[in-house]
Amino acid sequence: QGRLAASGGDFVQTGGSLTLSCVMSESTFRRYNLAWYRQAPGERREWVARYDHPGITNYKDSVKGRFTISRDNAKDLVLLQMNSLKPEDTGVYYCNTFPPLGGYWGQGTQVTVSS
């Protein structure tokens, strides 16, 4: 019901894949549009993938065709499948609503893609 924690990040080589996940309360899951955000070192945090009710997905151009945001309705999970990873995908990934709610920012998960 409070801060959201992302998990699943790891060190991976270029071209590899990872799946990130985030669990939230049923009420949050049901009420709000959802998104994954990324913050690279020294850079501002920005959204990279979002899920807008009733099921519209949007992606930043840099990840289109490689990342997929989805929901597990039975478990109130939001997922991010990341394929064909590139070094520029490196950063800390967070989940939150869209637009984000300040009180929901929690622990991000580090994704590091080696060159």
PDB file of N, CA and C in Angstrom:
ATOM      1  N   GLN A   1       0.810  -1.215   0.000  1.00  0.00           N
ATOM      2  CA  GLN A   1       0.000   0.000   0.000  1.00  0.00           C
ATOM      3  C   GLN A   1       0.846   1.268   0.000  1.00  0.00           C
ATOM      4  N   GLY A   2       2.120   1.132   0.325  1.00  0.00           N
ATOM      5  CA  GLY A   2       3.003   2.277   0.397  1.00  0.00           C
ATOM      6  C   GLY A   2       4.047   2.277  -0.700  1.00  0.00           C
ATOM      7  N   ARG A   3       5.289   2.387  -0.282  1.00  0.00           N
ATOM      8  CA  ARG A   3       6.372   2.448  -1.240  1.00  0.00           C
ATOM      9  C   ARG A   3       6.514   1.135  -2.008  1.00  0.00           C
ATOM     10  N   LEU A   4       6.845   1.280  -3.281  1.00  0.00           N
ATOM     11  CA  LEU A   4       6.930   0.134  -4.171  1.00  0.00           C
ATOM     12  C   LEU A   4       8.383  -0.270  -4.367  1.00  0.00           C
ATOM     13  N   ALA A   5       8.642  -1.550  -4.319  1.00  0.00           N
ATOM     14  CA  ALA A   5       9.988  -2.077  -4.472  1.00  0.00           C
ATOM     15  C   ALA A   5      10.087  -2.890  -5.744  1.00  0.00           C
ATOM     16  N   ALA A   6      11.043  -2.530  -6.576  1.00  0.00           N
ATOM     17  CA  ALA A   6      11.305  -3.277  -7.794  1.00  0.00           C
ATOM     18  C   ALA A   6      12.372  -4.328  -7.525  1.00  0.00           C
ATOM     19  N   SER A   7      12.312  -5.404  -8.262  1.00  0.00           N
ATOM     20  CA  SER A   7      13.284  -6.469  -8.110  1.00  0.00           C
ATOM     21  C   SER A   7      13.569  -7.111  -9.458  1.00  0.00           C
ATOM     22  N   GLY A   8      14.648  -7.855  -9.522  1.00  0.00           N
ATOM     23  CA  GLY A   8      14.996  -8.585 -10.728  1.00  0.00           C
ATOM     24  C   GLY A   8      16.195  -8.056 -11.482  1.00  0.00           C
ATOM     25  N   GLY A   9      16.748  -6.930 -11.064  1.00  0.00           N
ATOM     26  CA  GLY A   9      17.901  -6.387 -11.746  1.00  0.00           C
ATOM     27  C   GLY A   9      19.143  -7.231 -11.525  1.00  0.00           C
ATOM     28  N   ASP A  10      20.090  -7.097 -12.441  1.00  0.00           N
ATOM     29  CA  ASP A  10      21.300  -7.908 -12.369  1.00  0.00           C
ATOM     30  C   ASP A  10      22.336  -7.338 -13.320  1.00  0.00           C
ATOM     31  N   PHE A  11      23.503  -7.952 -13.312  1.00  0.00           N
ATOM     32  CA  PHE A  11      24.534  -7.686 -14.313  1.00  0.00           C
ATOM     33  C   PHE A  11      24.278  -8.606 -15.496  1.00  0.00           C
ATOM     34  N   VAL A  12      24.343  -8.052 -16.688  1.00  0.00           N
ATOM     35  CA  VAL A  12      24.065  -8.837 -17.878  1.00  0.00           C
ATOM     36  C   VAL A  12      24.913  -8.318 -19.034  1.00  0.00           C
ATOM     37  N   GLN A  13      25.240  -9.185 -19.946  1.00  0.00           N
ATOM     38  CA  GLN A  13      25.996  -8.789 -21.120  1.00  0.00           C
ATOM     39  C   GLN A  13      25.084  -8.195 -22.182  1.00  0.00           C
ATOM     40  N   THR A  14      25.665  -7.416 -23.054  1.00  0.00           N
ATOM     41  CA  THR A  14      24.919  -6.862 -24.174  1.00  0.00           C
ATOM     42  C   THR A  14      24.192  -7.974 -24.921  1.00  0.00           C
ATOM     43  N   GLY A  15      22.923  -7.740 -25.208  1.00  0.00           N
ATOM     44  CA  GLY A  15      22.107  -8.727 -25.889  1.00  0.00           C
ATOM     45  C   GLY A  15      21.338  -9.644 -24.968  1.00  0.00           C
ATOM     46  N   GLY A  16      21.596  -9.571 -23.683  1.00  0.00           N
ATOM     47  CA  GLY A  16      20.924 -10.420 -22.721  1.00  0.00           C
ATOM     48  C   GLY A  16      19.529  -9.938 -22.384  1.00  0.00           C
ATOM     49  N   SER A  17      18.878 -10.678 -21.498  1.00  0.00           N
ATOM     50  CA  SER A  17      17.502 -10.390 -21.109  1.00  0.00           C
ATOM     51  C   SER A  17      17.342 -10.433 -19.601  1.00  0.00           C
ATOM     52  N   LEU A  18      16.409  -9.649 -19.111  1.00  0.00           N
ATOM     53  CA  LEU A  18      16.031  -9.647 -17.710  1.00  0.00           C
ATOM     54  C   LEU A  18      14.536  -9.402 -17.607  1.00  0.00           C
ATOM     55  N   THR A  19      13.956  -9.867 -16.518  1.00  0.00           N
ATOM     56  CA  THR A  19      12.571  -9.565 -16.210  1.00  0.00           C
ATOM     57  C   THR A  19      12.505  -8.907 -14.844  1.00  0.00           C
ATOM     58  N   LEU A  20      11.977  -7.704 -14.795  1.00  0.00           N
ATOM     59  CA  LEU A  20      11.796  -6.980 -13.555  1.00  0.00           C
ATOM     60  C   LEU A  20      10.355  -7.133 -13.087  1.00  0.00           C
ATOM     61  N   SER A  21      10.156  -7.081 -11.784  1.00  0.00           N
ATOM     62  CA  SER A  21       8.809  -7.201 -11.254  1.00  0.00           C
ATOM     63  C   SER A  21       8.604  -6.241 -10.096  1.00  0.00           C
ATOM     64  N   CYS A  22       7.352  -5.924  -9.863  1.00  0.00           N
ATOM     65  CA  CYS A  22       6.976  -5.016  -8.792  1.00  0.00           C
ATOM     66  C   CYS A  22       5.580  -5.385  -8.330  1.00  0.00           C
ATOM     67  N   VAL A  23       5.432  -5.567  -7.035  1.00  0.00           N
ATOM     68  CA  VAL A  23       4.132  -5.904  -6.474  1.00  0.00           C
ATOM     69  C   VAL A  23       3.572  -4.683  -5.754  1.00  0.00           C
ATOM     70  N   MET A  24       2.275  -4.532  -5.807  1.00  0.00           N
ATOM     71  CA  MET A  24       1.626  -3.399  -5.170  1.00  0.00           C
ATOM     72  C   MET A  24       0.268  -3.820  -4.625  1.00  0.00           C
ATOM     73  N   SER A  25      -0.360  -2.933  -3.906  1.00  0.00           N
ATOM     74  CA  SER A  25      -1.670  -3.237  -3.364  1.00  0.00           C
ATOM     75  C   SER A  25      -2.688  -3.364  -4.482  1.00  0.00           C
ATOM     76  N   GLU A  26      -3.726  -4.129  -4.210  1.00  0.00           N
ATOM     77  CA  GLU A  26      -4.772  -4.312  -5.208  1.00  0.00           C
ATOM     78  C   GLU A  26      -5.422  -2.987  -5.578  1.00  0.00           C
ATOM     79  N   SER A  27      -5.596  -2.111  -4.594  1.00  0.00           N
ATOM     80  CA  SER A  27      -6.244  -0.838  -4.870  1.00  0.00           C
ATOM     81  C   SER A  27      -5.394   0.027  -5.789  1.00  0.00           C
ATOM     82  N   THR A  28      -4.093   0.064  -5.544  1.00  0.00           N
ATOM     83  CA  THR A  28      -3.200   0.824  -6.408  1.00  0.00           C
ATOM     84  C   THR A  28      -3.175   0.223  -7.806  1.00  0.00           C
ATOM     85  N   PHE A  29      -3.067  -1.078  -7.868  1.00  0.00           N
ATOM     86  CA  PHE A  29      -3.037  -1.792  -9.132  1.00  0.00           C
ATOM     87  C   PHE A  29      -4.277  -1.485  -9.962  1.00  0.00           C
ATOM     88  N   ARG A  30      -5.383  -1.417  -9.309  1.00  0.00           N
ATOM     89  CA  ARG A  30      -6.657  -1.235 -10.000  1.00  0.00           C
ATOM     90  C   ARG A  30      -6.923   0.220 -10.369  1.00  0.00           C
ATOM     91  N   ARG A  31      -6.490   1.146  -9.536  1.00  0.00           N
ATOM     92  CA  ARG A  31      -6.886   2.541  -9.693  1.00  0.00           C
ATOM     93  C   ARG A  31      -6.044   3.333 -10.679  1.00  0.00           C
ATOM     94  N   TYR A  32      -4.764   3.004 -10.786  1.00  0.00           N
ATOM     95  CA  TYR A  32      -3.841   3.900 -11.466  1.00  0.00           C
ATOM     96  C   TYR A  32      -3.208   3.289 -12.700  1.00  0.00           C
ATOM     97  N   ASN A  33      -2.844   4.159 -13.620  1.00  0.00           N
ATOM     98  CA  ASN A  33      -1.931   3.766 -14.675  1.00  0.00           C
ATOM     99  C   ASN A  33      -0.562   3.494 -14.042  1.00  0.00           C
ATOM    100  N   LEU A  34       0.199   2.601 -14.649  1.00  0.00           N
ATOM    101  CA  LEU A  34       1.452   2.132 -14.071  1.00  0.00           C
ATOM    102  C   LEU A  34       2.600   2.345 -15.036  1.00  0.00           C
ATOM    103  N   ALA A  35       3.803   2.439 -14.487  1.00  0.00           N
ATOM    104  CA  ALA A  35       4.954   2.684 -15.343  1.00  0.00           C
ATOM    105  C   ALA A  35       6.236   2.183 -14.704  1.00  0.00           C
ATOM    106  N   TRP A  36       7.215   1.937 -15.560  1.00  0.00           N
ATOM    107  CA  TRP A  36       8.585   1.688 -15.156  1.00  0.00           C
ATOM    108  C   TRP A  36       9.413   2.913 -15.490  1.00  0.00           C
ATOM    109  N   TYR A  37      10.287   3.276 -14.563  1.00  0.00           N
ATOM    110  CA  TYR A  37      11.155   4.432 -14.706  1.00  0.00           C
ATOM    111  C   TYR A  37      12.606   3.989 -14.621  1.00  0.00           C
ATOM    112  N   ARG A  38      13.467   4.756 -15.253  1.00  0.00           N
ATOM    113  CA  ARG A  38      14.891   4.460 -15.230  1.00  0.00           C
ATOM    114  C   ARG A  38      15.666   5.729 -14.906  1.00  0.00           C
ATOM    115  N   GLN A  39      16.678   5.580 -14.065  1.00  0.00           N
ATOM    116  CA  GLN A  39      17.576   6.674 -13.756  1.00  0.00           C
ATOM    117  C   GLN A  39      19.010   6.212 -13.976  1.00  0.00           C
ATOM    118  N   ALA A  40      19.634   6.757 -14.993  1.00  0.00           N
ATOM    119  CA  ALA A  40      21.034   6.479 -15.253  1.00  0.00           C
ATOM    120  C   ALA A  40      21.891   7.348 -14.333  1.00  0.00           C
ATOM    121  N   PRO A  41      23.127   6.940 -14.055  1.00  0.00           N
ATOM    122  CA  PRO A  41      23.988   7.736 -13.173  1.00  0.00           C
ATOM    123  C   PRO A  41      24.120   9.175 -13.651  1.00  0.00           C
ATOM    124  N   GLY A  42      23.846  10.106 -12.753  1.00  0.00           N
ATOM    125  CA  GLY A  42      23.957  11.511 -13.071  1.00  0.00           C
ATOM    126  C   GLY A  42      22.859  12.072 -13.946  1.00  0.00           C
ATOM    127  N   GLU A  43      21.872  11.263 -14.277  1.00  0.00           N
ATOM    128  CA  GLU A  43      20.797  11.697 -15.152  1.00  0.00           C
ATOM    129  C   GLU A  43      19.468  11.736 -14.407  1.00  0.00           C
ATOM    130  N   ARG A  44      18.523  12.421 -14.996  1.00  0.00           N
ATOM    131  CA  ARG A  44      17.207  12.497 -14.385  1.00  0.00           C
ATOM    132  C   ARG A  44      16.447  11.194 -14.596  1.00  0.00           C
ATOM    133  N   ARG A  45      15.542  10.933 -13.705  1.00  0.00           N
ATOM    134  CA  ARG A  45      14.695   9.759 -13.815  1.00  0.00           C
ATOM    135  C   ARG A  45      13.578  10.022 -14.816  1.00  0.00           C
ATOM    136  N   GLU A  46      13.348   9.072 -15.696  1.00  0.00           N
ATOM    137  CA  GLU A  46      12.306   9.224 -16.688  1.00  0.00           C
ATOM    138  C   GLU A  46      11.612   7.892 -16.919  1.00  0.00           C
ATOM    139  N   TRP A  47      10.389   7.967 -17.394  1.00  0.00           N
ATOM    140  CA  TRP A  47       9.659   6.732 -17.668  1.00  0.00           C
ATOM    141  C   TRP A  47      10.148   6.102 -18.953  1.00  0.00           C
ATOM    142  N   VAL A  48      10.147   4.802 -19.003  1.00  0.00           N
ATOM    143  CA  VAL A  48      10.529   4.085 -20.207  1.00  0.00           C
ATOM    144  C   VAL A  48       9.405   3.201 -20.733  1.00  0.00           C
ATOM    145  N   ALA A  49       8.492   2.797 -19.878  1.00  0.00           N
ATOM    146  CA  ALA A  49       7.376   1.958 -20.297  1.00  0.00           C
ATOM    147  C   ALA A  49       6.194   2.238 -19.376  1.00  0.00           C
ATOM    148  N   ARG A  50       5.018   2.293 -19.940  1.00  0.00           N
ATOM    149  CA  ARG A  50       3.833   2.566 -19.126  1.00  0.00           C
ATOM    150  C   ARG A  50       2.660   1.747 -19.597  1.00  0.00           C
ATOM    151  N   TYR A  51       1.791   1.487 -18.657  1.00  0.00           N
ATOM    152  CA  TYR A  51       0.567   0.741 -18.895  1.00  0.00           C
ATOM    153  C   TYR A  51      -0.589   1.624 -18.467  1.00  0.00           C
ATOM    154  N   ASP A  52      -1.391   2.021 -19.442  1.00  0.00           N
ATOM    155  CA  ASP A  52      -2.543   2.872 -19.180  1.00  0.00           C
ATOM    156  C   ASP A  52      -3.815   2.051 -19.322  1.00  0.00           C
ATOM    157  N   HIS A  53      -4.651   2.120 -18.319  1.00  0.00           N
ATOM    158  CA  HIS A  53      -5.946   1.460 -18.402  1.00  0.00           C
ATOM    159  C   HIS A  53      -6.745   2.032 -19.552  1.00  0.00           C
ATOM    160  N   PRO A  54      -7.456   1.190 -20.275  1.00  0.00           N
ATOM    161  CA  PRO A  54      -7.780  -0.215 -20.008  1.00  0.00           C
ATOM    162  C   PRO A  54      -6.849  -1.241 -20.642  1.00  0.00           C
ATOM    163  N   GLY A  55      -5.629  -0.867 -20.957  1.00  0.00           N
ATOM    164  CA  GLY A  55      -4.689  -1.832 -21.499  1.00  0.00           C
ATOM    165  C   GLY A  55      -3.815  -1.286 -22.608  1.00  0.00           C
ATOM    166  N   ILE A  56      -3.586   0.000 -22.594  1.00  0.00           N
ATOM    167  CA  ILE A  56      -2.752   0.645 -23.599  1.00  0.00           C
ATOM    168  C   ILE A  56      -1.326   0.750 -23.076  1.00  0.00           C
ATOM    169  N   THR A  57      -0.381   0.313 -23.874  1.00  0.00           N
ATOM    170  CA  THR A  57       1.022   0.400 -23.489  1.00  0.00           C
ATOM    171  C   THR A  57       1.736   1.449 -24.320  1.00  0.00           C
ATOM    172  N   ASN A  58       2.719   2.078 -23.710  1.00  0.00           N
ATOM    173  CA  ASN A  58       3.528   3.088 -24.376  1.00  0.00           C
ATOM    174  C   ASN A  58       4.980   2.899 -23.977  1.00  0.00           C
ATOM    175  N   TYR A  59       5.873   3.201 -24.911  1.00  0.00           N
ATOM    176  CA  TYR A  59       7.293   3.019 -24.681  1.00  0.00           C
ATOM    177  C   TYR A  59       8.076   4.200 -25.229  1.00  0.00           C
ATOM    178  N   LYS A  60       9.159   4.507 -24.542  1.00  0.00           N
ATOM    179  CA  LYS A  60      10.099   5.447 -25.114  1.00  0.00           C
ATOM    180  C   LYS A  60      10.711   4.835 -26.362  1.00  0.00           C
ATOM    181  N   ASP A  61      11.038   5.688 -27.316  1.00  0.00           N
ATOM    182  CA  ASP A  61      11.568   5.202 -28.583  1.00  0.00           C
ATOM    183  C   ASP A  61      12.799   4.322 -28.398  1.00  0.00           C
ATOM    184  N   SER A  62      13.604   4.626 -27.409  1.00  0.00           N
ATOM    185  CA  SER A  62      14.849   3.898 -27.217  1.00  0.00           C
ATOM    186  C   SER A  62      14.653   2.438 -26.814  1.00  0.00           C
ATOM    187  N   VAL A  63      13.464   2.088 -26.313  1.00  0.00           N
ATOM    188  CA  VAL A  63      13.230   0.715 -25.867  1.00  0.00           C
ATOM    189  C   VAL A  63      12.148   0.013 -26.670  1.00  0.00           C
ATOM    190  N   LYS A  64      11.528   0.687 -27.601  1.00  0.00           N
ATOM    191  CA  LYS A  64      10.471   0.074 -28.397  1.00  0.00           C
ATOM    192  C   LYS A  64      10.976  -1.161 -29.123  1.00  0.00           C
ATOM    193  N   GLY A  65      10.179  -2.205 -29.076  1.00  0.00           N
ATOM    194  CA  GLY A  65      10.542  -3.449 -29.721  1.00  0.00           C
ATOM    195  C   GLY A  65      11.423  -4.344 -28.885  1.00  0.00           C
ATOM    196  N   ARG A  66      11.924  -3.838 -27.756  1.00  0.00           N
ATOM    197  CA  ARG A  66      12.804  -4.612 -26.896  1.00  0.00           C
ATOM    198  C   ARG A  66      12.225  -4.835 -25.496  1.00  0.00           C
ATOM    199  N   PHE A  67      11.473  -3.874 -24.989  1.00  0.00           N
ATOM    200  CA  PHE A  67      10.882  -3.968 -23.653  1.00  0.00           C
ATOM    201  C   PHE A  67       9.382  -4.185 -23.774  1.00  0.00           C
ATOM    202  N   THR A  68       8.839  -4.943 -22.841  1.00  0.00           N
ATOM    203  CA  THR A  68       7.405  -5.173 -22.792  1.00  0.00           C
ATOM    204  C   THR A  68       6.916  -5.038 -21.358  1.00  0.00           C
ATOM    205  N   ILE A  69       5.968  -4.141 -21.135  1.00  0.00           N
ATOM    206  CA  ILE A  69       5.345  -4.005 -19.831  1.00  0.00           C
ATOM    207  C   ILE A  69       4.061  -4.825 -19.825  1.00  0.00           C
ATOM    208  N   SER A  70       3.814  -5.507 -18.722  1.00  0.00           N
ATOM    209  CA  SER A  70       2.623  -6.327 -18.616  1.00  0.00           C
ATOM    210  C   SER A  70       2.177  -6.404 -17.164  1.00  0.00           C
ATOM    211  N   ARG A  71       1.001  -6.943 -16.971  1.00  0.00           N
ATOM    212  CA  ARG A  71       0.420  -7.080 -15.639  1.00  0.00           C
ATOM    213  C   ARG A  71       0.029  -8.520 -15.381  1.00  0.00           C
ATOM    214  N   ASP A  72       0.230  -8.936 -14.141  1.00  0.00           N
ATOM    215  CA  ASP A  72      -0.275 -10.209 -13.664  1.00  0.00           C
ATOM    216  C   ASP A  72      -1.443  -9.874 -12.747  1.00  0.00           C
ATOM    217  N   ASN A  73      -2.637  -9.984 -13.270  1.00  0.00           N
ATOM    218  CA  ASN A  73      -3.810  -9.548 -12.531  1.00  0.00           C
ATOM    219  C   ASN A  73      -4.076 -10.386 -11.282  1.00  0.00           C
ATOM    220  N   ALA A  74      -3.690 -11.644 -11.318  1.00  0.00           N
ATOM    221  CA  ALA A  74      -3.926 -12.517 -10.174  1.00  0.00           C
ATOM    222  C   ALA A  74      -3.042 -12.168  -8.990  1.00  0.00           C
ATOM    223  N   LYS A  75      -1.868 -11.605  -9.246  1.00  0.00           N
ATOM    224  CA  LYS A  75      -0.902 -11.332  -8.183  1.00  0.00           C
ATOM    225  C   LYS A  75      -0.630  -9.852  -7.969  1.00  0.00           C
ATOM    226  N   ASP A  76      -1.328  -8.995  -8.676  1.00  0.00           N
ATOM    227  CA  ASP A  76      -1.123  -7.545  -8.590  1.00  0.00           C
ATOM    228  C   ASP A  76       0.343  -7.181  -8.843  1.00  0.00           C
ATOM    229  N   LEU A  77       0.879  -7.715  -9.895  1.00  0.00           N
ATOM    230  CA  LEU A  77       2.260  -7.472 -10.288  1.00  0.00           C
ATOM    231  C   LEU A  77       2.314  -6.691 -11.589  1.00  0.00           C
ATOM    232  N   VAL A  78       3.287  -5.825 -11.689  1.00  0.00           N
ATOM    233  CA  VAL A  78       3.620  -5.214 -12.958  1.00  0.00           C
ATOM    234  C   VAL A  78       5.019  -5.703 -13.329  1.00  0.00           C
ATOM    235  N   LEU A  79       5.169  -6.109 -14.566  1.00  0.00           N
ATOM    236  CA  LEU A  79       6.400  -6.729 -15.032  1.00  0.00           C
ATOM    237  C   LEU A  79       7.019  -5.912 -16.151  1.00  0.00           C
ATOM    238  N   LEU A  80       8.306  -6.044 -16.287  1.00  0.00           N
ATOM    239  CA  LEU A  80       9.011  -5.455 -17.418  1.00  0.00           C
ATOM    240  C   LEU A  80       9.952  -6.506 -17.978  1.00  0.00           C
ATOM    241  N   GLN A  81       9.616  -7.007 -19.150  1.00  0.00           N
ATOM    242  CA  GLN A  81      10.486  -7.933 -19.856  1.00  0.00           C
ATOM    243  C   GLN A  81      11.430  -7.125 -20.723  1.00  0.00           C
ATOM    244  N   MET A  82      12.721  -7.317 -20.514  1.00  0.00           N
ATOM    245  CA  MET A  82      13.746  -6.550 -21.193  1.00  0.00           C
ATOM    246  C   MET A  82      14.591  -7.498 -22.031  1.00  0.00           C
ATOM    247  N   ASN A  83      14.564  -7.295 -23.320  1.00  0.00           N
ATOM    248  CA  ASN A  83      15.324  -8.125 -24.243  1.00  0.00           C
ATOM    249  C   ASN A  83      16.324  -7.276 -25.018  1.00  0.00           C
ATOM    250  N   SER A  84      17.304  -7.946 -25.589  1.00  0.00           N
ATOM    251  CA  SER A  84      18.315  -7.283 -26.414  1.00  0.00           C
ATOM    252  C   SER A  84      18.907  -6.073 -25.702  1.00  0.00           C
ATOM    253  N   LEU A  85      19.317  -6.278 -24.472  1.00  0.00           N
ATOM    254  CA  LEU A  85      19.791  -5.175 -23.647  1.00  0.00           C
ATOM    255  C   LEU A  85      21.067  -4.559 -24.199  1.00  0.00           C
ATOM    256  N   LYS A  86      21.158  -3.252 -24.038  1.00  0.00           N
ATOM    257  CA  LYS A  86      22.283  -2.465 -24.498  1.00  0.00           C
ATOM    258  C   LYS A  86      22.919  -1.741 -23.319  1.00  0.00           C
ATOM    259  N   PRO A  87      24.188  -1.358 -23.443  1.00  0.00           N
ATOM    260  CA  PRO A  87      24.818  -0.616 -22.345  1.00  0.00           C
ATOM    261  C   PRO A  87      24.053   0.640 -21.946  1.00  0.00           C
ATOM    262  N   GLU A  88      23.421   1.306 -22.883  1.00  0.00           N
ATOM    263  CA  GLU A  88      22.673   2.506 -22.561  1.00  0.00           C
ATOM    264  C   GLU A  88      21.406   2.234 -21.759  1.00  0.00           C
ATOM    265  N   ASP A  89      21.041   0.970 -21.595  1.00  0.00           N
ATOM    266  CA  ASP A  89      19.921   0.606 -20.730  1.00  0.00           C
ATOM    267  C   ASP A  89      20.325   0.567 -19.258  1.00  0.00           C
ATOM    268  N   THR A  90      21.594   0.698 -18.978  1.00  0.00           N
ATOM    269  CA  THR A  90      22.087   0.646 -17.603  1.00  0.00           C
ATOM    270  C   THR A  90      21.464   1.747 -16.754  1.00  0.00           C
ATOM    271  N   GLY A  91      21.059   1.387 -15.556  1.00  0.00           N
ATOM    272  CA  GLY A  91      20.495   2.353 -14.638  1.00  0.00           C
ATOM    273  C   GLY A  91      19.723   1.662 -13.534  1.00  0.00           C
ATOM    274  N   VAL A  92      19.151   2.467 -12.673  1.00  0.00           N
ATOM    275  CA  VAL A  92      18.298   1.963 -11.611  1.00  0.00           C
ATOM    276  C   VAL A  92      16.856   2.064 -12.082  1.00  0.00           C
ATOM    277  N   TYR A  93      16.146   0.971 -12.024  1.00  0.00           N
ATOM    278  CA  TYR A  93      14.768   0.907 -12.485  1.00  0.00           C
ATOM    279  C   TYR A  93      13.805   0.918 -11.312  1.00  0.00           C
ATOM    280  N   TYR A  94      12.762   1.697 -11.454  1.00  0.00           N
ATOM    281  CA  TYR A  94      11.743   1.847 -10.424  1.00  0.00           C
ATOM    282  C   TYR A  94      10.369   1.617 -11.033  1.00  0.00           C
ATOM    283  N   CYS A  95       9.443   1.220 -10.209  1.00  0.00           N
ATOM    284  CA  CYS A  95       8.050   1.188 -10.619  1.00  0.00           C
ATOM    285  C   CYS A  95       7.279   2.240  -9.847  1.00  0.00           C
ATOM    286  N   ASN A  96       6.232   2.720 -10.449  1.00  0.00           N
ATOM    287  CA  ASN A  96       5.381   3.708  -9.821  1.00  0.00           C
ATOM    288  C   ASN A  96       4.136   3.859 -10.679  1.00  0.00           C
ATOM    289  N   THR A  97       3.241   4.681 -10.227  1.00  0.00           N
ATOM    290  CA  THR A  97       2.087   5.033 -11.033  1.00  0.00           C
ATOM    291  C   THR A  97       2.508   6.002 -12.122  1.00  0.00           C
ATOM    292  N   PHE A  98       1.591   6.271 -13.038  1.00  0.00           N
ATOM    293  CA  PHE A  98       1.827   7.291 -14.038  1.00  0.00           C
ATOM    294  C   PHE A  98       0.608   8.200 -14.100  1.00  0.00           C
ATOM    295  N   PRO A  99       0.787   9.476 -13.833  1.00  0.00           N
ATOM    296  CA  PRO A  99       1.994  10.132 -13.333  1.00  0.00           C
ATOM    297  C   PRO A  99       2.427   9.575 -11.975  1.00  0.00           C
ATOM    298  N   PRO A 100       3.691   9.682 -11.626  1.00  0.00           N
ATOM    299  CA  PRO A 100       4.163   9.079 -10.378  1.00  0.00           C
ATOM    300  C   PRO A 100       3.647   9.807  -9.153  1.00  0.00           C
ATOM    301  N   LEU A 101       3.456   9.041  -8.096  1.00  0.00           N
ATOM    302  CA  LEU A 101       3.111   9.574  -6.792  1.00  0.00           C
ATOM    303  C   LEU A 101       4.358   9.576  -5.923  1.00  0.00           C
ATOM    304  N   GLY A 102       4.680  10.725  -5.343  1.00  0.00           N
ATOM    305  CA  GLY A 102       5.906  10.862  -4.584  1.00  0.00           C
ATOM    306  C   GLY A 102       6.045   9.861  -3.462  1.00  0.00           C
ATOM    307  N   GLY A 103       4.978   9.575  -2.780  1.00  0.00           N
ATOM    308  CA  GLY A 103       5.027   8.650  -1.664  1.00  0.00           C
ATOM    309  C   GLY A 103       5.228   7.202  -2.053  1.00  0.00           C
ATOM    310  N   TYR A 104       5.129   6.903  -3.327  1.00  0.00           N
ATOM    311  CA  TYR A 104       5.289   5.530  -3.795  1.00  0.00           C
ATOM    312  C   TYR A 104       6.699   5.203  -4.241  1.00  0.00           C
ATOM    313  N   TRP A 105       7.561   6.195  -4.404  1.00  0.00           N
ATOM    314  CA  TRP A 105       8.942   5.905  -4.776  1.00  0.00           C
ATOM    315  C   TRP A 105       9.595   5.046  -3.706  1.00  0.00           C
ATOM    316  N   GLY A 106      10.112   3.917  -4.115  1.00  0.00           N
ATOM    317  CA  GLY A 106      10.746   3.000  -3.180  1.00  0.00           C
ATOM    318  C   GLY A 106      12.087   2.541  -3.681  1.00  0.00           C
ATOM    319  N   GLN A 107      12.428   1.328  -3.334  1.00  0.00           N
ATOM    320  CA  GLN A 107      13.716   0.767  -3.713  1.00  0.00           C
ATOM    321  C   GLN A 107      13.718   0.380  -5.181  1.00  0.00           C
ATOM    322  N   GLY A 108      14.650   0.923  -5.917  1.00  0.00           N
ATOM    323  CA  GLY A 108      14.826   0.519  -7.297  1.00  0.00           C
ATOM    324  C   GLY A 108      15.708  -0.708  -7.396  1.00  0.00           C
ATOM    325  N   THR A 109      15.847  -1.205  -8.601  1.00  0.00           N
ATOM    326  CA  THR A 109      16.700  -2.360  -8.838  1.00  0.00           C
ATOM    327  C   THR A 109      17.706  -2.017  -9.928  1.00  0.00           C
ATOM    328  N   GLN A 110      18.957  -2.349  -9.676  1.00  0.00           N
ATOM    329  CA  GLN A 110      20.047  -1.971 -10.566  1.00  0.00           C
ATOM    330  C   GLN A 110      20.157  -2.934 -11.735  1.00  0.00           C
ATOM    331  N   VAL A 111      20.195  -2.375 -12.917  1.00  0.00           N
ATOM    332  CA  VAL A 111      20.453  -3.126 -14.137  1.00  0.00           C
ATOM    333  C   VAL A 111      21.748  -2.592 -14.728  1.00  0.00           C
ATOM    334  N   THR A 112      22.714  -3.464 -14.901  1.00  0.00           N
ATOM    335  CA  THR A 112      23.991  -3.084 -15.480  1.00  0.00           C
ATOM    336  C   THR A 112      24.257  -3.959 -16.697  1.00  0.00           C
ATOM    337  N   VAL A 113      24.408  -3.315 -17.836  1.00  0.00           N
ATOM    338  CA  VAL A 113      24.651  -4.020 -19.089  1.00  0.00           C
ATOM    339  C   VAL A 113      26.075  -3.725 -19.521  1.00  0.00           C
ATOM    340  N   SER A 114      26.880  -4.743 -19.599  1.00  0.00           N
ATOM    341  CA  SER A 114      28.281  -4.580 -19.957  1.00  0.00           C
ATOM    342  C   SER A 114      28.436  -4.403 -21.457  1.00  0.00           C
ATOM    343  N   SER A 115      29.499  -3.693 -21.829  1.00  0.00           N
ATOM    344  CA  SER A 115      29.782  -3.455 -23.234  1.00  0.00           C
ATOM    345  C   SER A 115      30.346  -4.688 -23.913  1.00  0.00           C
TER     346      SER A 115
END
